[in-house]
PDB file of N, CA and C in Angstrom:
ATOM      1  N   MET A   1      12.738  51.370  13.426  1.00  0.00           N
ATOM      2  CA  MET A   1      11.505  51.112  14.147  1.00  0.00           C
ATOM      3  C   MET A   1      10.751  49.985  13.435  1.00  0.00           C
ATOM      4  N   PRO A   2      10.307  48.950  14.186  1.00  0.00           N
ATOM      5  CA  PRO A   2       9.594  47.845  13.546  1.00  0.00           C
ATOM      6  C   PRO A   2       8.246  48.276  12.990  1.00  0.00           C
ATOM      7  N   MET A   3       7.849  47.612  11.923  1.00  0.00           N
ATOM      8  CA  MET A   3       6.564  47.915  11.303  1.00  0.00           C
ATOM      9  C   MET A   3       5.448  47.246  12.101  1.00  0.00           C
ATOM     10  N   ARG A   4       4.339  47.935  12.265  1.00  0.00           N
ATOM     11  CA  ARG A   4       3.180  47.359  12.951  1.00  0.00           C
ATOM     12  C   ARG A   4       2.429  46.450  11.997  1.00  0.00           C
ATOM     13  N   VAL A   5       2.003  45.346  12.528  1.00  0.00           N
ATOM     14  CA  VAL A   5       1.259  44.381  11.737  1.00  0.00           C
ATOM     15  C   VAL A   5      -0.105  44.212  12.378  1.00  0.00           C
ATOM     16  N   GLY A   6      -1.167  44.204  11.557  1.00  0.00           N
ATOM     17  CA  GLY A   6      -2.508  43.992  12.076  1.00  0.00           C
ATOM     18  C   GLY A   6      -2.652  42.599  12.658  1.00  0.00           C
ATOM     19  N   PHE A   7      -3.674  42.409  13.524  1.00  0.00           N
ATOM     20  CA  PHE A   7      -3.810  41.124  14.193  1.00  0.00           C
ATOM     21  C   PHE A   7      -4.040  39.983  13.213  1.00  0.00           C
ATOM     22  N   GLY A   8      -4.820  40.202  12.170  1.00  0.00           N
ATOM     23  CA  GLY A   8      -5.053  39.145  11.186  1.00  0.00           C
ATOM     24  C   GLY A   8      -3.752  38.682  10.556  1.00  0.00           C
ATOM     25  N   GLU A   9      -2.897  39.627  10.217  1.00  0.00           N
ATOM     26  CA  GLU A   9      -1.602  39.289   9.626  1.00  0.00           C
ATOM     27  C   GLU A   9      -0.702  38.611  10.655  1.00  0.00           C
ATOM     28  N   PHE A  10      -0.740  39.095  11.885  1.00  0.00           N
ATOM     29  CA  PHE A  10       0.051  38.480  12.952  1.00  0.00           C
ATOM     30  C   PHE A  10      -0.388  37.032  13.178  1.00  0.00           C
ATOM     31  N   ARG A  11      -1.698  36.807  13.197  1.00  0.00           N
ATOM     32  CA  ARG A  11      -2.229  35.451  13.384  1.00  0.00           C
ATOM     33  C   ARG A  11      -1.805  34.549  12.219  1.00  0.00           C
ATOM     34  N   ARG A  12      -1.858  35.072  10.997  1.00  0.00           N
ATOM     35  CA  ARG A  12      -1.431  34.303   9.828  1.00  0.00           C
ATOM     36  C   ARG A  12       0.030  33.889   9.972  1.00  0.00           C
ATOM     37  N   GLN A  13       0.878  34.827  10.395  1.00  0.00           N
ATOM     38  CA  GLN A  13       2.298  34.534  10.564  1.00  0.00           C
ATOM     39  C   GLN A  13       2.529  33.460  11.628  1.00  0.00           C
ATOM     40  N   MET A  14       1.792  33.545  12.733  1.00  0.00           N
ATOM     41  CA  MET A  14       1.909  32.536  13.797  1.00  0.00           C
ATOM     42  C   MET A  14       1.526  31.152  13.281  1.00  0.00           C
ATOM     43  N   LEU A  15       0.395  31.090  12.593  1.00  0.00           N
ATOM     44  CA  LEU A  15      -0.090  29.814  12.075  1.00  0.00           C
ATOM     45  C   LEU A  15       0.861  29.230  11.037  1.00  0.00           C
ATOM     46  N   GLU A  16       1.349  30.063  10.140  1.00  0.00           N
ATOM     47  CA  GLU A  16       2.279  29.593   9.105  1.00  0.00           C
ATOM     48  C   GLU A  16       3.581  29.096   9.730  1.00  0.00           C
ATOM     49  N   ARG A  17       4.062  29.790  10.754  1.00  0.00           N
ATOM     50  CA  ARG A  17       5.287  29.356  11.439  1.00  0.00           C
ATOM     51  C   ARG A  17       5.070  27.987  12.091  1.00  0.00           C
ATOM     52  N   ASP A  18       3.941  27.835  12.776  1.00  0.00           N
ATOM     53  CA  ASP A  18       3.632  26.547  13.402  1.00  0.00           C
ATOM     54  C   ASP A  18       3.482  25.447  12.356  1.00  0.00           C
ATOM     55  N   LEU A  19       2.876  25.772  11.223  1.00  0.00           N
ATOM     56  CA  LEU A  19       2.674  24.774  10.173  1.00  0.00           C
ATOM     57  C   LEU A  19       4.012  24.286   9.617  1.00  0.00           C
ATOM     58  N   VAL A  20       4.967  25.176   9.461  1.00  0.00           N
ATOM     59  CA  VAL A  20       6.298  24.783   8.986  1.00  0.00           C
ATOM     60  C   VAL A  20       6.934  23.805   9.976  1.00  0.00           C
ATOM     61  N   GLU A  21       6.823  24.098  11.265  1.00  0.00           N
ATOM     62  CA  GLU A  21       7.384  23.207  12.286  1.00  0.00           C
ATOM     63  C   GLU A  21       6.684  21.848  12.269  1.00  0.00           C
ATOM     64  N   ILE A  22       5.382  21.860  12.073  1.00  0.00           N
ATOM     65  CA  ILE A  22       4.622  20.609  11.995  1.00  0.00           C
ATOM     66  C   ILE A  22       5.065  19.798  10.781  1.00  0.00           C
ATOM     67  N   GLU A  23       5.205  20.458   9.629  1.00  0.00           N
ATOM     68  CA  GLU A  23       5.615  19.765   8.400  1.00  0.00           C
ATOM     69  C   GLU A  23       6.969  19.079   8.569  1.00  0.00           C
ATOM     70  N   GLU A  24       7.857  19.680   9.338  1.00  0.00           N
ATOM     71  CA  GLU A  24       9.172  19.088   9.568  1.00  0.00           C
ATOM     72  C   GLU A  24       9.079  17.802  10.387  1.00  0.00           C
ATOM     73  N   MET A  25       8.058  17.678  11.227  1.00  0.00           N
ATOM     74  CA  MET A  25       7.895  16.503  12.084  1.00  0.00           C
ATOM     75  C   MET A  25       7.208  15.330  11.378  1.00  0.00           C
ATOM     76  N   LEU A  26       6.475  15.583  10.325  1.00  0.00           N
ATOM     77  CA  LEU A  26       5.642  14.548   9.708  1.00  0.00           C
ATOM     78  C   LEU A  26       6.414  13.309   9.261  1.00  0.00           C
ATOM     79  N   PRO A  27       7.558  13.449   8.587  1.00  0.00           N
ATOM     80  CA  PRO A  27       8.288  12.239   8.182  1.00  0.00           C
ATOM     81  C   PRO A  27       8.773  11.425   9.389  1.00  0.00           C
ATOM     82  N   ILE A  28       9.146  12.102  10.448  1.00  0.00           N
ATOM     83  CA  ILE A  28       9.638  11.432  11.651  1.00  0.00           C
ATOM     84  C   ILE A  28       8.531  10.592  12.288  1.00  0.00           C
ATOM     85  N   LEU A  29       7.296  11.080  12.213  1.00  0.00           N
ATOM     86  CA  LEU A  29       6.165  10.391  12.837  1.00  0.00           C
ATOM     87  C   LEU A  29       5.575   9.300  11.946  1.00  0.00           C
ATOM     88  N   GLY A  30       6.058   9.185  10.718  1.00  0.00           N
ATOM     89  CA  GLY A  30       5.647   8.094   9.844  1.00  0.00           C
ATOM     90  C   GLY A  30       4.279   8.245   9.206  1.00  0.00           C
ATOM     91  N   VAL A  31       3.827   9.478   9.023  1.00  0.00           N
ATOM     92  CA  VAL A  31       2.522   9.659   8.389  1.00  0.00           C
ATOM     93  C   VAL A  31       2.638   9.454   6.882  1.00  0.00           C
ATOM     94  N   GLU A  32       1.516   9.131   6.261  1.00  0.00           N
ATOM     95  CA  GLU A  32       1.506   8.909   4.818  1.00  0.00           C
ATOM     96  C   GLU A  32       1.051  10.134   4.050  1.00  0.00           C
ATOM     97  N   LYS A  33       0.054  10.827   4.591  1.00  0.00           N
ATOM     98  CA  LYS A  33      -0.500  11.982   3.893  1.00  0.00           C
ATOM     99  C   LYS A  33      -1.099  12.934   4.918  1.00  0.00           C
ATOM    100  N   VAL A  34      -1.005  14.242   4.631  1.00  0.00           N
ATOM    101  CA  VAL A  34      -1.633  15.248   5.489  1.00  0.00           C
ATOM    102  C   VAL A  34      -2.282  16.300   4.606  1.00  0.00           C
ATOM    103  N   ILE A  35      -3.526  16.632   4.942  1.00  0.00           N
ATOM    104  CA  ILE A  35      -4.277  17.654   4.222  1.00  0.00           C
ATOM    105  C   ILE A  35      -4.642  18.760   5.198  1.00  0.00           C
ATOM    106  N   LEU A  36      -4.268  19.981   4.862  1.00  0.00           N
ATOM    107  CA  LEU A  36      -4.661  21.156   5.640  1.00  0.00           C
ATOM    108  C   LEU A  36      -6.056  21.554   5.196  1.00  0.00           C
ATOM    109  N   THR A  37      -6.964  21.728   6.151  1.00  0.00           N
ATOM    110  CA  THR A  37      -8.347  22.062   5.833  1.00  0.00           C
ATOM    111  C   THR A  37      -8.781  23.306   6.598  1.00  0.00           C
ATOM    112  N   GLY A  38     -10.030  23.660   6.441  1.00  0.00           N
ATOM    113  CA  GLY A  38     -10.611  24.744   7.226  1.00  0.00           C
ATOM    114  C   GLY A  38     -10.214  26.126   6.759  1.00  0.00           C
ATOM    115  N   ASP A  39     -10.352  27.079   7.682  1.00  0.00           N
ATOM    116  CA  ASP A  39     -10.109  28.486   7.367  1.00  0.00           C
ATOM    117  C   ASP A  39      -8.685  28.744   6.896  1.00  0.00           C
ATOM    118  N   MET A  40      -7.720  28.072   7.496  1.00  0.00           N
ATOM    119  CA  MET A  40      -6.330  28.320   7.111  1.00  0.00           C
ATOM    120  C   MET A  40      -6.084  27.903   5.668  1.00  0.00           C
ATOM    121  N   ALA A  41      -6.625  26.776   5.262  1.00  0.00           N
ATOM    122  CA  ALA A  41      -6.467  26.326   3.874  1.00  0.00           C
ATOM    123  C   ALA A  41      -7.135  27.294   2.912  1.00  0.00           C
ATOM    124  N   ALA A  42      -8.229  27.917   3.365  1.00  0.00           N
ATOM    125  CA  ALA A  42      -8.960  28.872   2.533  1.00  0.00           C
ATOM    126  C   ALA A  42      -8.330  30.262   2.555  1.00  0.00           C
ATOM    127  N   GLY A  43      -7.332  30.469   3.426  1.00  0.00           N
ATOM    128  CA  GLY A  43      -6.692  31.776   3.522  1.00  0.00           C
ATOM    129  C   GLY A  43      -7.498  32.785   4.311  1.00  0.00           C
ATOM    130  N   ASP A  44      -8.396  32.306   5.156  1.00  0.00           N
ATOM    131  CA  ASP A  44      -9.256  33.168   5.970  1.00  0.00           C
ATOM    132  C   ASP A  44      -8.721  33.175   7.399  1.00  0.00           C
ATOM    133  N   PHE A  45      -8.014  34.239   7.759  1.00  0.00           N
ATOM    134  CA  PHE A  45      -7.374  34.304   9.069  1.00  0.00           C
ATOM    135  C   PHE A  45      -8.111  35.265   9.983  1.00  0.00           C
ATOM    136  N   SER A  46      -8.488  34.758  11.157  1.00  0.00           N
ATOM    137  CA  SER A  46      -9.164  35.553  12.178  1.00  0.00           C
ATOM    138  C   SER A  46      -8.627  35.088  13.529  1.00  0.00           C
ATOM    139  N   PRO A  47      -9.047  35.722  14.616  1.00  0.00           N
ATOM    140  CA  PRO A  47      -8.581  35.271  15.933  1.00  0.00           C
ATOM    141  C   PRO A  47      -8.940  33.813  16.227  1.00  0.00           C
ATOM    142  N   ASP A  48      -9.979  33.293  15.586  1.00  0.00           N
ATOM    143  CA  ASP A  48     -10.420  31.919  15.834  1.00  0.00           C
ATOM    144  C   ASP A  48      -9.803  30.893  14.890  1.00  0.00           C
ATOM    145  N   THR A  49      -9.029  31.330  13.922  1.00  0.00           N
ATOM    146  CA  THR A  49      -8.446  30.401  12.955  1.00  0.00           C
ATOM    147  C   THR A  49      -7.482  29.458  13.658  1.00  0.00           C
ATOM    148  N   LYS A  50      -7.588  28.185  13.316  1.00  0.00           N
ATOM    149  CA  LYS A  50      -6.707  27.171  13.885  1.00  0.00           C
ATOM    150  C   LYS A  50      -6.142  26.318  12.762  1.00  0.00           C
ATOM    151  N   ILE A  51      -5.170  25.509  13.095  1.00  0.00           N
ATOM    152  CA  ILE A  51      -4.603  24.566  12.140  1.00  0.00           C
ATOM    153  C   ILE A  51      -5.451  23.302  12.208  1.00  0.00           C
ATOM    154  N   GLU A  52      -6.095  22.964  11.092  1.00  0.00           N
ATOM    155  CA  GLU A  52      -6.941  21.775  11.018  1.00  0.00           C
ATOM    156  C   GLU A  52      -6.322  20.814  10.008  1.00  0.00           C
ATOM    157  N   LEU A  53      -6.000  19.618  10.471  1.00  0.00           N
ATOM    158  CA  LEU A  53      -5.312  18.648   9.629  1.00  0.00           C
ATOM    159  C   LEU A  53      -6.069  17.332   9.555  1.00  0.00           C
ATOM    160  N   ILE A  54      -6.098  16.762   8.370  1.00  0.00           N
ATOM    161  CA  ILE A  54      -6.522  15.382   8.185  1.00  0.00           C
ATOM    162  C   ILE A  54      -5.237  14.602   7.947  1.00  0.00           C
ATOM    163  N   ILE A  55      -5.012  13.612   8.791  1.00  0.00           N
ATOM    164  CA  ILE A  55      -3.769  12.845   8.751  1.00  0.00           C
ATOM    165  C   ILE A  55      -4.080  11.394   8.399  1.00  0.00           C
ATOM    166  N   VAL A  56      -3.332  10.870   7.437  1.00  0.00           N
ATOM    167  CA  VAL A  56      -3.437   9.451   7.089  1.00  0.00           C
ATOM    168  C   VAL A  56      -2.201   8.775   7.674  1.00  0.00           C
ATOM    169  N   HIS A  57      -2.458   7.859   8.602  1.00  0.00           N
ATOM    170  CA  HIS A  57      -1.371   7.241   9.368  1.00  0.00           C
ATOM    171  C   HIS A  57      -1.740   5.800   9.705  1.00  0.00           C
ATOM    172  N   ASP A  58      -0.842   4.885   9.432  1.00  0.00           N
ATOM    173  CA  ASP A  58      -1.089   3.476   9.743  1.00  0.00           C
ATOM    174  C   ASP A  58      -0.881   3.275  11.241  1.00  0.00           C
ATOM    175  N   THR A  59      -1.963   3.038  11.951  1.00  0.00           N
ATOM    176  CA  THR A  59      -1.915   2.924  13.404  1.00  0.00           C
ATOM    177  C   THR A  59      -2.920   1.893  13.889  1.00  0.00           C
ATOM    178  N   GLU A  60      -2.661   1.376  15.070  1.00  0.00           N
ATOM    179  CA  GLU A  60      -3.596   0.442  15.693  1.00  0.00           C
ATOM    180  C   GLU A  60      -4.424   1.120  16.781  1.00  0.00           C
ATOM    181  N   TYR A  61      -4.143   2.404  17.057  1.00  0.00           N
ATOM    182  CA  TYR A  61      -4.936   3.135  18.052  1.00  0.00           C
ATOM    183  C   TYR A  61      -6.384   3.234  17.589  1.00  0.00           C
ATOM    184  N   SER A  62      -7.299   3.286  18.549  1.00  0.00           N
ATOM    185  CA  SER A  62      -8.706   3.511  18.206  1.00  0.00           C
ATOM    186  C   SER A  62      -8.851   4.930  17.666  1.00  0.00           C
ATOM    187  N   PHE A  63      -9.925   5.162  16.915  1.00  0.00           N
ATOM    188  CA  PHE A  63     -10.122   6.471  16.282  1.00  0.00           C
ATOM    189  C   PHE A  63     -10.044   7.606  17.309  1.00  0.00           C
ATOM    190  N   GLY A  64     -10.661   7.420  18.455  1.00  0.00           N
ATOM    191  CA  GLY A  64     -10.686   8.461  19.481  1.00  0.00           C
ATOM    192  C   GLY A  64      -9.342   8.762  20.109  1.00  0.00           C
ATOM    193  N   ARG A  65      -8.403   7.832  20.060  1.00  0.00           N
ATOM    194  CA  ARG A  65      -7.082   8.021  20.678  1.00  0.00           C
ATOM    195  C   ARG A  65      -6.029   8.550  19.704  1.00  0.00           C
ATOM    196  N   ARG A  66      -6.301   8.485  18.431  1.00  0.00           N
ATOM    197  CA  ARG A  66      -5.291   8.861  17.429  1.00  0.00           C
ATOM    198  C   ARG A  66      -4.901  10.328  17.508  1.00  0.00           C
ATOM    199  N   ALA A  67      -5.871  11.193  17.693  1.00  0.00           N
ATOM    200  CA  ALA A  67      -5.586  12.626  17.753  1.00  0.00           C
ATOM    201  C   ALA A  67      -4.694  12.953  18.946  1.00  0.00           C
ATOM    202  N   ASP A  68      -4.844  12.206  20.041  1.00  0.00           N
ATOM    203  CA  ASP A  68      -4.008  12.432  21.227  1.00  0.00           C
ATOM    204  C   ASP A  68      -2.528  12.268  20.890  1.00  0.00           C
ATOM    205  N   PHE A  69      -2.210  11.247  20.108  1.00  0.00           N
ATOM    206  CA  PHE A  69      -0.821  11.004  19.714  1.00  0.00           C
ATOM    207  C   PHE A  69      -0.242  12.225  19.004  1.00  0.00           C
ATOM    208  N   PHE A  70      -0.998  12.772  18.055  1.00  0.00           N
ATOM    209  CA  PHE A  70      -0.485  13.904  17.280  1.00  0.00           C
ATOM    210  C   PHE A  70      -0.525  15.206  18.074  1.00  0.00           C
ATOM    211  N   SER A  71      -1.483  15.365  18.948  1.00  0.00           N
ATOM    212  CA  SER A  71      -1.512  16.552  19.806  1.00  0.00           C
ATOM    213  C   SER A  71      -0.272  16.598  20.686  1.00  0.00           C
ATOM    214  N   TYR A  72       0.171  15.436  21.114  1.00  0.00           N
ATOM    215  CA  TYR A  72       1.352  15.353  21.967  1.00  0.00           C
ATOM    216  C   TYR A  72       2.641  15.572  21.175  1.00  0.00           C
ATOM    217  N   HIS A  73       2.725  15.034  19.964  1.00  0.00           N
ATOM    218  CA  HIS A  73       3.978  15.039  19.211  1.00  0.00           C
ATOM    219  C   HIS A  73       4.161  16.203  18.236  1.00  0.00           C
ATOM    220  N   LEU A  74       3.085  16.863  17.843  1.00  0.00           N
ATOM    221  CA  LEU A  74       3.233  17.966  16.885  1.00  0.00           C
ATOM    222  C   LEU A  74       3.353  19.292  17.622  1.00  0.00           C
ATOM    223  N   PRO A  75       4.403  20.064  17.309  1.00  0.00           N
ATOM    224  CA  PRO A  75       4.585  21.346  17.990  1.00  0.00           C
ATOM    225  C   PRO A  75       3.592  22.379  17.468  1.00  0.00           C
ATOM    226  N   SER A  76       2.986  23.108  18.375  1.00  0.00           N
ATOM    227  CA  SER A  76       2.085  24.180  17.956  1.00  0.00           C
ATOM    228  C   SER A  76       1.820  25.107  19.132  1.00  0.00           C
ATOM    229  N   SER A  77       2.007  26.390  18.888  1.00  0.00           N
ATOM    230  CA  SER A  77       1.670  27.382  19.911  1.00  0.00           C
ATOM    231  C   SER A  77       0.263  27.919  19.667  1.00  0.00           C
ATOM    232  N   THR A  78      -0.386  27.443  18.611  1.00  0.00           N
ATOM    233  CA  THR A  78      -1.751  27.846  18.277  1.00  0.00           C
ATOM    234  C   THR A  78      -2.654  26.617  18.348  1.00  0.00           C
ATOM    235  N   ASP A  79      -3.946  26.829  18.188  1.00  0.00           N
ATOM    236  CA  ASP A  79      -4.888  25.710  18.230  1.00  0.00           C
ATOM    237  C   ASP A  79      -4.613  24.744  17.083  1.00  0.00           C
ATOM    238  N   LEU A  80      -4.610  23.462  17.405  1.00  0.00           N
ATOM    239  CA  LEU A  80      -4.368  22.408  16.425  1.00  0.00           C
ATOM    240  C   LEU A  80      -5.452  21.352  16.570  1.00  0.00           C
ATOM    241  N   GLU A  81      -6.098  21.033  15.465  1.00  0.00           N
ATOM    242  CA  GLU A  81      -7.142  20.007  15.458  1.00  0.00           C
ATOM    243  C   GLU A  81      -6.785  18.971  14.406  1.00  0.00           C
ATOM    244  N   THR A  82      -6.811  17.696  14.794  1.00  0.00           N
ATOM    245  CA  THR A  82      -6.469  16.638  13.850  1.00  0.00           C
ATOM    246  C   THR A  82      -7.565  15.582  13.792  1.00  0.00           C
ATOM    247  N   LEU A  83      -7.788  15.079  12.598  1.00  0.00           N
ATOM    248  CA  LEU A  83      -8.604  13.888  12.378  1.00  0.00           C
ATOM    249  C   LEU A  83      -7.671  12.881  11.730  1.00  0.00           C
ATOM    250  N   VAL A  84      -7.559  11.708  12.326  1.00  0.00           N
ATOM    251  CA  VAL A  84      -6.581  10.729  11.872  1.00  0.00           C
ATOM    252  C   VAL A  84      -7.291   9.480  11.366  1.00  0.00           C
ATOM    253  N   TYR A  85      -6.970   9.114  10.131  1.00  0.00           N
ATOM    254  CA  TYR A  85      -7.543   7.930   9.490  1.00  0.00           C
ATOM    255  C   TYR A  85      -6.422   6.975   9.103  1.00  0.00           C
ATOM    256  N   THR A  86      -6.696   5.680   9.173  1.00  0.00           N
ATOM    257  CA  THR A  86      -5.750   4.712   8.623  1.00  0.00           C
ATOM    258  C   THR A  86      -5.849   4.810   7.098  1.00  0.00           C
ATOM    259  N   PRO A  87      -4.854   4.314   6.370  1.00  0.00           N
ATOM    260  CA  PRO A  87      -4.943   4.361   4.903  1.00  0.00           C
ATOM    261  C   PRO A  87      -6.208   3.690   4.368  1.00  0.00           C
ATOM    262  N   ALA A  88      -6.583   2.547   4.941  1.00  0.00           N
ATOM    263  CA  ALA A  88      -7.790   1.844   4.477  1.00  0.00           C
ATOM    264  C   ALA A  88      -9.045   2.663   4.763  1.00  0.00           C
ATOM    265  N   GLU A  89      -9.129   3.259   5.949  1.00  0.00           N
ATOM    266  CA  GLU A  89     -10.286   4.099   6.289  1.00  0.00           C
ATOM    267  C   GLU A  89     -10.377   5.298   5.362  1.00  0.00           C
ATOM    268  N   PHE A  90      -9.234   5.905   5.097  1.00  0.00           N
ATOM    269  CA  PHE A  90      -9.215   7.096   4.249  1.00  0.00           C
ATOM    270  C   PHE A  90      -9.728   6.771   2.853  1.00  0.00           C
ATOM    271  N   GLU A  91      -9.230   5.692   2.267  1.00  0.00           N
ATOM    272  CA  GLU A  91      -9.673   5.312   0.922  1.00  0.00           C
ATOM    273  C   GLU A  91     -11.149   4.944   0.903  1.00  0.00           C
ATOM    274  N   ASP A  92     -11.599   4.261   1.942  1.00  0.00           N
ATOM    275  CA  ASP A  92     -12.992   3.833   2.013  1.00  0.00           C
ATOM    276  C   ASP A  92     -13.944   4.999   2.275  1.00  0.00           C
ATOM    277  N   MET A  93     -13.524   5.960   3.090  1.00  0.00           N
ATOM    278  CA  MET A  93     -14.428   7.019   3.547  1.00  0.00           C
ATOM    279  C   MET A  93     -14.318   8.341   2.787  1.00  0.00           C
ATOM    280  N   ARG A  94     -13.302   8.499   1.970  1.00  0.00           N
ATOM    281  CA  ARG A  94     -13.068   9.816   1.357  1.00  0.00           C
ATOM    282  C   ARG A  94     -14.231  10.306   0.506  1.00  0.00           C
ATOM    283  N   GLU A  95     -15.024   9.421  -0.048  1.00  0.00           N
ATOM    284  CA  GLU A  95     -16.198   9.829  -0.824  1.00  0.00           C
ATOM    285  C   GLU A  95     -17.500   9.625  -0.058  1.00  0.00           C
ATOM    286  N   LYS A  96     -17.471   8.801   0.970  1.00  0.00           N
ATOM    287  CA  LYS A  96     -18.685   8.500   1.734  1.00  0.00           C
ATOM    288  C   LYS A  96     -19.008   9.564   2.780  1.00  0.00           C
ATOM    289  N   LEU A  97     -17.983  10.134   3.393  1.00  0.00           N
ATOM    290  CA  LEU A  97     -18.189  11.169   4.409  1.00  0.00           C
ATOM    291  C   LEU A  97     -18.135  12.539   3.745  1.00  0.00           C
ATOM    292  N   PRO A  98     -19.232  13.284   3.746  1.00  0.00           N
ATOM    293  CA  PRO A  98     -19.243  14.586   3.069  1.00  0.00           C
ATOM    294  C   PRO A  98     -18.147  15.542   3.549  1.00  0.00           C
ATOM    295  N   ALA A  99     -17.890  15.580   4.850  1.00  0.00           N
ATOM    296  CA  ALA A  99     -16.858  16.491   5.362  1.00  0.00           C
ATOM    297  C   ALA A  99     -15.470  16.087   4.873  1.00  0.00           C
ATOM    298  N   LEU A 100     -15.211  14.795   4.800  1.00  0.00           N
ATOM    299  CA  LEU A 100     -13.916  14.319   4.317  1.00  0.00           C
ATOM    300  C   LEU A 100     -13.779  14.554   2.815  1.00  0.00           C
ATOM    301  N   ALA A 101     -14.848  14.336   2.077  1.00  0.00           N
ATOM    302  CA  ALA A 101     -14.829  14.597   0.633  1.00  0.00           C
ATOM    303  C   ALA A 101     -14.551  16.074   0.365  1.00  0.00           C
ATOM    304  N   LYS A 102     -15.193  16.950   1.141  1.00  0.00           N
ATOM    305  CA  LYS A 102     -14.977  18.392   0.982  1.00  0.00           C
ATOM    306  C   LYS A 102     -13.538  18.759   1.331  1.00  0.00           C
ATOM    307  N   ALA A 103     -13.007  18.178   2.396  1.00  0.00           N
ATOM    308  CA  ALA A 103     -11.625  18.462   2.793  1.00  0.00           C
ATOM    309  C   ALA A 103     -10.648  18.032   1.708  1.00  0.00           C
ATOM    310  N   CYS A 104     -10.890  16.884   1.101  1.00  0.00           N
ATOM    311  CA  CYS A 104     -10.018  16.406   0.022  1.00  0.00           C
ATOM    312  C   CYS A 104     -10.117  17.307  -1.205  1.00  0.00           C
ATOM    313  N   ARG A 105     -11.300  17.810  -1.463  1.00  0.00           N
ATOM    314  CA  ARG A 105     -11.544  18.657  -2.632  1.00  0.00           C
ATOM    315  C   ARG A 105     -11.003  20.074  -2.433  1.00  0.00           C
ATOM    316  N   GLU A 106     -11.225  20.649  -1.250  1.00  0.00           N
ATOM    317  CA  GLU A 106     -10.913  22.059  -1.018  1.00  0.00           C
ATOM    318  C   GLU A 106      -9.666  22.287  -0.178  1.00  0.00           C
ATOM    319  N   GLY A 107      -9.180  21.238   0.476  1.00  0.00           N
ATOM    320  CA  GLY A 107      -8.011  21.385   1.336  1.00  0.00           C
ATOM    321  C   GLY A 107      -6.725  21.459   0.533  1.00  0.00           C
ATOM    322  N   ARG A 108      -5.644  21.628   1.251  1.00  0.00           N
ATOM    323  CA  ARG A 108      -4.320  21.740   0.631  1.00  0.00           C
ATOM    324  C   ARG A 108      -3.445  20.598   1.153  1.00  0.00           C
ATOM    325  N   GLU A 109      -3.044  19.710   0.264  1.00  0.00           N
ATOM    326  CA  GLU A 109      -2.168  18.612   0.673  1.00  0.00           C
ATOM    327  C   GLU A 109      -0.802  19.192   1.007  1.00  0.00           C
ATOM    328  N   ILE A 110      -0.366  18.987   2.241  1.00  0.00           N
ATOM    329  CA  ILE A 110       0.919  19.553   2.660  1.00  0.00           C
ATOM    330  C   ILE A 110       1.998  18.489   2.819  1.00  0.00           C
ATOM    331  N   TYR A 111       1.589  17.212   2.772  1.00  0.00           N
ATOM    332  CA  TYR A 111       2.576  16.138   2.882  1.00  0.00           C
ATOM    333  C   TYR A 111       2.031  14.883   2.223  1.00  0.00           C
ATOM    334  N   ASN A 112       2.902  14.205   1.488  1.00  0.00           N
ATOM    335  CA  ASN A 112       2.550  12.928   0.877  1.00  0.00           C
ATOM    336  C   ASN A 112       3.831  12.109   0.784  1.00  0.00           C
ATOM    337  N   ALA A 113       3.909  11.051   1.573  1.00  0.00           N
ATOM    338  CA  ALA A 113       5.140  10.243   1.637  1.00  0.00           C
ATOM    339  C   ALA A 113       5.364   9.470   0.350  1.00  0.00           C
TER     340      ALA A 113
END
């Protein structure tokens, strides 16, 4: 008989499974760096927990269109939120934007080419 798992644990398993699939795609998509942020990086799993990623990627897309590319190409059966910066933007803004500085400080780097 299978063991029952609480919803928080089930949600954690779903998110971790999706994250593994996402990590496998990152080299193919040519990203330079990815930082996992938010509740998942902190280990706080609830029904609202989603995969939140900061992606450093050399692209010519406008800031508003970059997330669309990754939403389309990254597999996820759970909520996925991405903020995409070019390498120059990331280096310039990592200390200037409080949210980005916090993500770099408290997040978990999951990929670095």
